[in-house]
Amino acid sequence: MAGCVMIVEGKTDKERLLRVLAEPVTILCTYGSYSLEKGEKLLTQTEAAEEVYIFTDEDDSGKKLRTKLRDDFPDAIHLHTPKIYREVADTPLSVLAEILERAGFAVIVPHPDLGER
């Protein structure tokens, strides 16, 4: 998906998603916090994007961040990790690949025998 941007909470989330994405995607990190200045910077960084995706954790801090991002990015597409994993960083690569593939991304499906961590 050329021209799309994904916003995640942290560096570990970004690295994990890059392991399964089979196409170039700009991934921006909030580092778990959000402020007016950070929001303005993200808006500037996503100006040229065709689509913006938000992929935050399913824990309390991730949900709060998603709410704030929803205000600044009302047209963004929200991706969710299953609640049983709570965090993107703890979600198996095969599950992340499935979520991204359903959203239309080209993915590398990890081989289960090779380990996911």
N, C-alpha and C. Protein backbone atom coordinates (compact mmCIF):
# COMPACT_ATOMS: atom_id res chain seq x y z
N MET A 1 0.83 -1.18 0.00
CA MET A 1 0.00 0.00 0.00
C MET A 1 0.87 1.24 0.00
N ALA A 2 1.27 1.61 -1.16
CA ALA A 2 2.13 2.79 -1.28
C ALA A 2 1.41 4.01 -0.75
N GLY A 3 2.17 4.84 -0.07
CA GLY A 3 1.61 6.09 0.41
C GLY A 3 0.82 6.01 1.69
N CYS A 4 0.96 4.90 2.41
CA CYS A 4 0.24 4.83 3.68
C CYS A 4 1.21 4.97 4.84
N VAL A 5 0.65 5.41 5.95
CA VAL A 5 1.42 5.62 7.18
C VAL A 5 0.71 4.87 8.29
N MET A 6 1.49 4.23 9.15
CA MET A 6 0.93 3.54 10.31
C MET A 6 1.50 4.19 11.57
N ILE A 7 0.62 4.47 12.51
CA ILE A 7 1.03 5.06 13.79
C ILE A 7 0.93 3.98 14.86
N VAL A 8 2.02 3.77 15.57
CA VAL A 8 2.08 2.77 16.64
C VAL A 8 2.60 3.43 17.91
N GLU A 9 2.55 2.68 19.01
CA GLU A 9 3.00 3.25 20.28
C GLU A 9 4.52 3.32 20.41
N GLY A 10 5.20 2.22 20.13
CA GLY A 10 6.62 2.21 20.44
C GLY A 10 7.50 1.53 19.40
N LYS A 11 8.78 1.64 19.64
CA LYS A 11 9.80 1.11 18.74
C LYS A 11 9.67 -0.41 18.58
N THR A 12 9.37 -1.11 19.66
CA THR A 12 9.22 -2.57 19.59
C THR A 12 8.04 -2.95 18.70
N ASP A 13 6.94 -2.21 18.80
CA ASP A 13 5.79 -2.45 17.94
C ASP A 13 6.19 -2.26 16.48
N LYS A 14 6.89 -1.18 16.20
CA LYS A 14 7.34 -0.88 14.84
C LYS A 14 8.22 -2.01 14.30
N GLU A 15 9.20 -2.41 15.08
CA GLU A 15 10.12 -3.47 14.64
C GLU A 15 9.37 -4.77 14.38
N ARG A 16 8.42 -5.07 15.23
CA ARG A 16 7.64 -6.31 15.09
C ARG A 16 6.81 -6.30 13.81
N LEU A 17 6.15 -5.18 13.53
CA LEU A 17 5.35 -5.08 12.31
C LEU A 17 6.22 -5.13 11.06
N LEU A 18 7.39 -4.52 11.12
CA LEU A 18 8.29 -4.55 9.97
C LEU A 18 8.75 -5.98 9.64
N ARG A 19 8.72 -6.87 10.62
CA ARG A 19 9.11 -8.26 10.39
C ARG A 19 8.12 -9.01 9.51
N VAL A 20 6.87 -8.55 9.48
CA VAL A 20 5.86 -9.26 8.68
C VAL A 20 5.38 -8.48 7.46
N LEU A 21 5.69 -7.20 7.39
CA LEU A 21 5.27 -6.42 6.22
C LEU A 21 6.18 -6.73 5.04
N ALA A 22 5.57 -7.02 3.89
CA ALA A 22 6.33 -7.34 2.68
C ALA A 22 6.31 -6.16 1.70
N GLU A 23 6.03 -4.99 2.20
CA GLU A 23 6.00 -3.79 1.38
C GLU A 23 6.44 -2.62 2.25
N PRO A 24 6.92 -1.56 1.59
CA PRO A 24 7.36 -0.41 2.39
C PRO A 24 6.16 0.33 3.00
N VAL A 25 6.23 0.53 4.29
CA VAL A 25 5.20 1.28 5.02
C VAL A 25 5.93 2.21 5.98
N THR A 26 5.54 3.46 5.99
CA THR A 26 6.11 4.40 6.95
C THR A 26 5.42 4.17 8.29
N ILE A 27 6.19 3.84 9.30
CA ILE A 27 5.64 3.60 10.63
C ILE A 27 6.19 4.66 11.58
N LEU A 28 5.27 5.40 12.18
CA LEU A 28 5.62 6.46 13.12
C LEU A 28 5.27 6.03 14.53
N CYS A 29 6.12 6.37 15.49
CA CYS A 29 5.92 5.99 16.89
C CYS A 29 5.51 7.20 17.73
N THR A 30 4.59 6.97 18.63
CA THR A 30 4.22 8.01 19.60
C THR A 30 5.02 7.86 20.88
N TYR A 31 5.64 6.72 21.06
CA TYR A 31 6.39 6.36 22.27
C TYR A 31 5.49 6.42 23.50
N GLY A 32 4.22 6.04 23.28
CA GLY A 32 3.28 5.87 24.38
C GLY A 32 2.66 7.13 24.94
N SER A 33 3.13 8.28 24.51
CA SER A 33 2.56 9.52 25.04
C SER A 33 2.01 10.35 23.88
N TYR A 34 1.21 11.33 24.24
CA TYR A 34 0.63 12.18 23.20
C TYR A 34 0.45 13.58 23.76
N SER A 35 0.78 14.54 22.95
CA SER A 35 0.65 15.94 23.35
C SER A 35 0.23 16.74 22.12
N LEU A 36 -0.11 17.98 22.32
CA LEU A 36 -0.48 18.85 21.21
C LEU A 36 0.66 18.93 20.19
N GLU A 37 1.88 19.09 20.70
CA GLU A 37 3.04 19.19 19.82
C GLU A 37 3.25 17.90 19.04
N LYS A 38 3.13 16.78 19.71
CA LYS A 38 3.32 15.49 19.04
C LYS A 38 2.22 15.28 18.00
N GLY A 39 1.00 15.67 18.33
CA GLY A 39 -0.10 15.56 17.38
C GLY A 39 0.14 16.39 16.14
N GLU A 40 0.62 17.61 16.32
CA GLU A 40 0.92 18.48 15.18
C GLU A 40 2.03 17.90 14.31
N LYS A 41 3.03 17.33 14.97
CA LYS A 41 4.14 16.72 14.22
C LYS A 41 3.64 15.52 13.41
N LEU A 42 2.80 14.68 14.02
CA LEU A 42 2.26 13.53 13.31
C LEU A 42 1.38 13.96 12.13
N LEU A 43 0.59 15.01 12.34
CA LEU A 43 -0.25 15.53 11.25
C LEU A 43 0.61 15.99 10.08
N THR A 44 1.71 16.65 10.39
CA THR A 44 2.63 17.11 9.34
C THR A 44 3.26 15.91 8.62
N GLN A 45 3.65 14.90 9.39
CA GLN A 45 4.30 13.72 8.81
C GLN A 45 3.35 12.87 7.97
N THR A 46 2.06 13.03 8.17
CA THR A 46 1.09 12.20 7.45
C THR A 46 0.34 12.99 6.37
N GLU A 47 0.70 14.23 6.15
CA GLU A 47 -0.02 15.08 5.19
C GLU A 47 -0.16 14.43 3.81
N ALA A 48 0.90 13.86 3.30
CA ALA A 48 0.89 13.31 1.95
C ALA A 48 0.39 11.86 1.89
N ALA A 49 0.08 11.29 3.03
CA ALA A 49 -0.33 9.89 3.06
C ALA A 49 -1.71 9.70 2.43
N GLU A 50 -1.83 8.64 1.66
CA GLU A 50 -3.12 8.28 1.08
C GLU A 50 -4.05 7.74 2.17
N GLU A 51 -3.46 6.94 3.07
CA GLU A 51 -4.23 6.37 4.17
C GLU A 51 -3.37 6.36 5.42
N VAL A 52 -4.05 6.53 6.57
CA VAL A 52 -3.37 6.48 7.86
C VAL A 52 -4.00 5.33 8.66
N TYR A 53 -3.13 4.49 9.22
CA TYR A 53 -3.56 3.37 10.05
C TYR A 53 -3.07 3.62 11.47
N ILE A 54 -3.87 3.23 12.43
CA ILE A 54 -3.50 3.34 13.83
C ILE A 54 -3.54 1.93 14.41
N PHE A 55 -2.42 1.50 14.99
CA PHE A 55 -2.31 0.16 15.54
C PHE A 55 -1.71 0.28 16.93
N THR A 56 -2.59 0.42 17.93
CA THR A 56 -2.13 0.57 19.32
C THR A 56 -2.48 -0.68 20.11
N ASP A 57 -1.92 -0.77 21.30
CA ASP A 57 -2.16 -1.93 22.16
C ASP A 57 -3.60 -1.97 22.64
N GLU A 58 -4.00 -3.13 23.11
CA GLU A 58 -5.35 -3.31 23.65
C GLU A 58 -5.35 -3.20 25.18
N ASP A 59 -4.39 -2.47 25.72
CA ASP A 59 -4.38 -2.22 27.16
C ASP A 59 -4.92 -0.81 27.41
N ASP A 60 -4.99 -0.41 28.67
CA ASP A 60 -5.58 0.89 29.00
C ASP A 60 -4.85 2.06 28.32
N SER A 61 -3.52 2.04 28.35
CA SER A 61 -2.78 3.16 27.76
C SER A 61 -2.96 3.19 26.25
N GLY A 62 -3.01 2.02 25.62
CA GLY A 62 -3.23 1.96 24.18
C GLY A 62 -4.60 2.47 23.78
N LYS A 63 -5.60 2.14 24.59
CA LYS A 63 -6.96 2.61 24.31
C LYS A 63 -7.07 4.12 24.48
N LYS A 64 -6.41 4.67 25.50
CA LYS A 64 -6.42 6.12 25.71
C LYS A 64 -5.73 6.83 24.55
N LEU A 65 -4.60 6.28 24.12
CA LEU A 65 -3.88 6.87 23.00
C LEU A 65 -4.72 6.81 21.73
N ARG A 66 -5.38 5.69 21.49
CA ARG A 66 -6.23 5.54 20.31
C ARG A 66 -7.34 6.59 20.30
N THR A 67 -7.90 6.87 21.46
CA THR A 67 -8.95 7.89 21.56
C THR A 67 -8.42 9.26 21.16
N LYS A 68 -7.24 9.60 21.63
CA LYS A 68 -6.64 10.89 21.28
C LYS A 68 -6.30 10.96 19.80
N LEU A 69 -5.76 9.85 19.27
CA LEU A 69 -5.42 9.82 17.84
C LEU A 69 -6.67 9.90 16.97
N ARG A 70 -7.75 9.31 17.44
CA ARG A 70 -9.01 9.34 16.68
C ARG A 70 -9.47 10.78 16.47
N ASP A 71 -9.25 11.63 17.46
CA ASP A 71 -9.63 13.05 17.33
C ASP A 71 -8.83 13.75 16.24
N ASP A 72 -7.52 13.49 16.19
CA ASP A 72 -6.65 14.14 15.21
C ASP A 72 -6.69 13.48 13.84
N PHE A 73 -7.03 12.19 13.80
CA PHE A 73 -7.06 11.43 12.56
C PHE A 73 -8.42 10.73 12.41
N PRO A 74 -9.48 11.50 12.19
CA PRO A 74 -10.82 10.92 12.17
C PRO A 74 -11.04 9.90 11.04
N ASP A 75 -10.26 10.00 9.98
CA ASP A 75 -10.42 9.08 8.85
C ASP A 75 -9.46 7.89 8.90
N ALA A 76 -8.67 7.81 9.95
CA ALA A 76 -7.70 6.71 10.07
C ALA A 76 -8.40 5.37 10.22
N ILE A 77 -7.72 4.35 9.76
CA ILE A 77 -8.20 2.98 9.88
C ILE A 77 -7.54 2.38 11.11
N HIS A 78 -8.35 1.84 12.01
CA HIS A 78 -7.83 1.29 13.26
C HIS A 78 -7.66 -0.22 13.15
N LEU A 79 -6.47 -0.68 13.50
CA LEU A 79 -6.18 -2.11 13.53
C LEU A 79 -6.05 -2.51 15.00
N HIS A 80 -6.48 -3.72 15.30
CA HIS A 80 -6.50 -4.17 16.69
C HIS A 80 -5.86 -5.54 16.83
N THR A 81 -5.04 -5.68 17.85
CA THR A 81 -4.52 -6.99 18.21
C THR A 81 -5.57 -7.66 19.10
N PRO A 82 -5.69 -8.98 19.06
CA PRO A 82 -6.67 -9.64 19.94
C PRO A 82 -6.39 -9.31 21.41
N LYS A 83 -7.45 -9.14 22.18
CA LYS A 83 -7.32 -8.76 23.59
C LYS A 83 -6.48 -9.74 24.39
N ILE A 84 -6.45 -11.01 23.99
CA ILE A 84 -5.67 -11.99 24.76
C ILE A 84 -4.17 -11.68 24.75
N TYR A 85 -3.70 -10.95 23.74
CA TYR A 85 -2.27 -10.61 23.68
C TYR A 85 -1.98 -9.24 24.28
N ARG A 86 -2.98 -8.39 24.39
CA ARG A 86 -2.92 -7.05 24.97
C ARG A 86 -1.99 -6.08 24.23
N GLU A 87 -0.81 -6.51 23.85
CA GLU A 87 0.15 -5.60 23.23
C GLU A 87 0.59 -6.11 21.86
N VAL A 88 0.84 -5.17 20.97
CA VAL A 88 1.33 -5.53 19.64
C VAL A 88 2.63 -6.32 19.78
N ALA A 89 3.49 -5.88 20.69
CA ALA A 89 4.79 -6.52 20.88
C ALA A 89 4.68 -7.96 21.36
N ASP A 90 3.56 -8.33 21.99
CA ASP A 90 3.37 -9.69 22.49
C ASP A 90 2.51 -10.55 21.57
N THR A 91 2.05 -9.99 20.49
CA THR A 91 1.21 -10.72 19.55
C THR A 91 2.09 -11.56 18.64
N PRO A 92 1.77 -12.85 18.48
CA PRO A 92 2.57 -13.68 17.57
C PRO A 92 2.63 -13.08 16.16
N LEU A 93 3.78 -13.27 15.52
CA LEU A 93 3.96 -12.71 14.18
C LEU A 93 2.90 -13.21 13.21
N SER A 94 2.52 -14.47 13.33
CA SER A 94 1.51 -15.01 12.42
C SER A 94 0.17 -14.29 12.59
N VAL A 95 -0.17 -13.91 13.80
CA VAL A 95 -1.42 -13.18 14.06
C VAL A 95 -1.31 -11.76 13.50
N LEU A 96 -0.16 -11.11 13.70
CA LEU A 96 0.04 -9.78 13.14
C LEU A 96 -0.06 -9.82 11.62
N ALA A 97 0.55 -10.84 11.01
CA ALA A 97 0.49 -10.98 9.55
C ALA A 97 -0.96 -11.11 9.09
N GLU A 98 -1.75 -11.88 9.81
CA GLU A 98 -3.16 -12.08 9.46
C GLU A 98 -3.93 -10.76 9.56
N ILE A 99 -3.70 -10.00 10.62
CA ILE A 99 -4.38 -8.71 10.80
C ILE A 99 -4.02 -7.76 9.66
N LEU A 100 -2.74 -7.68 9.34
CA LEU A 100 -2.28 -6.78 8.29
C LEU A 100 -2.79 -7.22 6.92
N GLU A 101 -2.79 -8.51 6.69
CA GLU A 101 -3.27 -9.03 5.40
C GLU A 101 -4.75 -8.72 5.21
N ARG A 102 -5.55 -8.88 6.27
CA ARG A 102 -6.98 -8.54 6.19
C ARG A 102 -7.18 -7.05 5.87
N ALA A 103 -6.23 -6.21 6.30
CA ALA A 103 -6.30 -4.78 6.05
C ALA A 103 -5.80 -4.42 4.65
N GLY A 104 -5.31 -5.42 3.91
CA GLY A 104 -4.87 -5.18 2.54
C GLY A 104 -3.39 -5.03 2.33
N PHE A 105 -2.59 -5.27 3.37
CA PHE A 105 -1.14 -5.18 3.23
C PHE A 105 -0.56 -6.48 2.70
N ALA A 106 0.53 -6.37 1.96
CA ALA A 106 1.29 -7.55 1.56
C ALA A 106 2.14 -7.95 2.76
N VAL A 107 2.10 -9.23 3.11
CA VAL A 107 2.81 -9.69 4.31
C VAL A 107 3.69 -10.89 4.02
N ILE A 108 4.62 -11.09 4.92
CA ILE A 108 5.45 -12.29 4.94
C ILE A 108 4.87 -13.15 6.05
N VAL A 109 4.36 -14.30 5.69
CA VAL A 109 3.77 -15.18 6.70
C VAL A 109 4.89 -15.99 7.32
N PRO A 110 5.13 -15.82 8.62
CA PRO A 110 6.21 -16.54 9.28
C PRO A 110 5.92 -18.04 9.35
N HIS A 111 6.95 -18.82 9.18
CA HIS A 111 6.80 -20.27 9.27
C HIS A 111 6.77 -20.66 10.75
N PRO A 112 5.72 -21.36 11.18
CA PRO A 112 5.57 -21.65 12.62
C PRO A 112 6.72 -22.47 13.21
N ASP A 113 7.38 -23.29 12.41
CA ASP A 113 8.47 -24.12 12.94
C ASP A 113 9.75 -23.32 13.19
N LEU A 114 9.83 -22.14 12.64
CA LEU A 114 11.04 -21.34 12.80
C LEU A 114 11.01 -20.43 14.00
N GLY A 115 9.92 -20.43 14.72
CA GLY A 115 9.80 -19.57 15.90
C GLY A 115 9.40 -18.17 15.50
N GLU A 116 8.71 -17.52 16.38
CA GLU A 116 8.18 -16.20 16.06
C GLU A 116 8.84 -15.08 16.83
N ARG A 117 9.49 -15.35 17.85
CA ARG A 117 10.01 -14.28 18.69
C ARG A 117 11.28 -13.79 18.14
